[in-house]
Amino acid sequence: MIKTQQEIIKQGYQALFDSLGVVDAIRFIQHFTPGQGDYTKERQKWLDKTPLEDILTSMRQRQKDDATQYEEIIE
């Protein structure tokens, strides 16, 4: 029998709760919940005001400051 979209969503949430527990399942769901606003419009506004050299300098400095930036730990 084909499941409805609602049944699949309910089953998916239940699998998360069973596997992670309620608190960690909610934390997981929040990680993927879309934010608010229009990122593209907001980004364009600050990019128009910021010289490219400043952006590149900031990126280089950030790499130096955080050598472990991709080793995220969720506690």
Protein backbone atom coordinates (compact mmCIF):
# COMPACT_ATOMS: atom_id res chain seq x y z
CA MET A 1 0.00 0.00 0.00
CA ILE A 2 1.30 3.47 -0.88
CA LYS A 3 1.78 5.77 2.10
CA THR A 4 0.67 9.39 2.12
CA GLN A 5 3.24 12.15 2.54
CA GLN A 6 1.88 12.78 6.04
CA GLU A 7 2.34 9.11 7.00
CA ILE A 8 5.93 9.14 5.78
CA ILE A 9 6.69 12.32 7.72
CA LYS A 10 5.12 10.85 10.87
CA GLN A 11 7.11 7.63 10.46
CA GLY A 12 10.31 9.61 9.88
CA TYR A 13 9.83 11.67 13.01
CA GLN A 14 9.08 8.54 14.98
CA ALA A 15 12.28 6.91 13.71
CA LEU A 16 14.25 9.99 14.81
CA PHE A 17 12.64 9.99 18.25
CA ASP A 18 13.22 6.26 18.68
CA SER A 19 16.83 6.50 17.55
CA LEU A 20 17.94 9.77 19.15
CA GLY A 21 15.44 10.44 21.90
CA VAL A 22 13.13 13.44 21.93
CA VAL A 23 15.67 16.12 22.89
CA ASP A 24 18.35 15.11 20.39
CA ALA A 25 15.75 14.55 17.66
CA ILE A 26 14.52 18.11 18.14
CA ARG A 27 18.10 19.41 18.05
CA PHE A 28 18.63 17.50 14.79
CA ILE A 29 15.44 18.91 13.24
CA GLN A 30 16.38 22.46 14.28
CA HIS A 31 19.71 22.09 12.50
CA PHE A 32 17.90 21.73 9.16
CA THR A 33 15.06 24.20 9.75
CA PRO A 34 15.29 27.09 7.30
CA GLY A 35 16.08 30.50 8.72
CA GLN A 36 14.25 33.72 8.03
CA GLY A 37 14.79 36.55 5.62
CA ASP A 38 16.18 36.62 2.11
CA TYR A 39 19.84 35.63 2.29
CA THR A 40 20.50 36.48 -1.37
CA LYS A 41 19.22 40.06 -1.07
CA GLU A 42 20.97 40.64 2.27
CA ARG A 43 24.24 39.21 0.96
CA GLN A 44 24.12 41.37 -2.15
CA LYS A 45 23.67 44.49 0.00
CA TRP A 46 26.82 43.91 2.04
CA LEU A 47 28.82 42.66 -0.93
CA ASP A 48 28.03 45.87 -2.82
CA LYS A 49 29.44 47.87 0.11
CA THR A 50 32.52 45.74 0.83
CA PRO A 51 35.62 45.82 -1.39
CA LEU A 52 36.70 42.41 -2.69
CA GLU A 53 40.14 42.80 -1.12
CA ASP A 54 38.54 43.21 2.33
CA ILE A 55 36.54 40.01 1.84
CA LEU A 56 39.63 38.08 0.75
CA THR A 57 41.66 39.41 3.68
CA SER A 58 38.89 38.38 6.07
CA MET A 59 38.74 34.89 4.56
CA ARG A 60 42.51 34.43 4.83
CA GLN A 61 42.52 35.61 8.44
CA ARG A 62 39.69 33.29 9.31
CA GLN A 63 41.59 30.31 7.89
CA LYS A 64 44.59 31.18 10.04
CA ASP A 65 42.47 31.70 13.16
CA ASP A 66 40.51 28.45 12.87
CA ALA A 67 42.59 25.59 11.51
CA THR A 68 39.99 23.08 12.75
CA GLN A 69 36.95 24.78 11.24
CA TYR A 70 35.62 21.57 9.70
CA GLU A 71 35.90 19.44 12.82
CA GLU A 72 32.50 20.29 14.22
CA ILE A 73 31.51 18.63 17.46
CA ILE A 74 27.87 18.53 18.50
CA GLU A 75 27.44 18.15 22.21
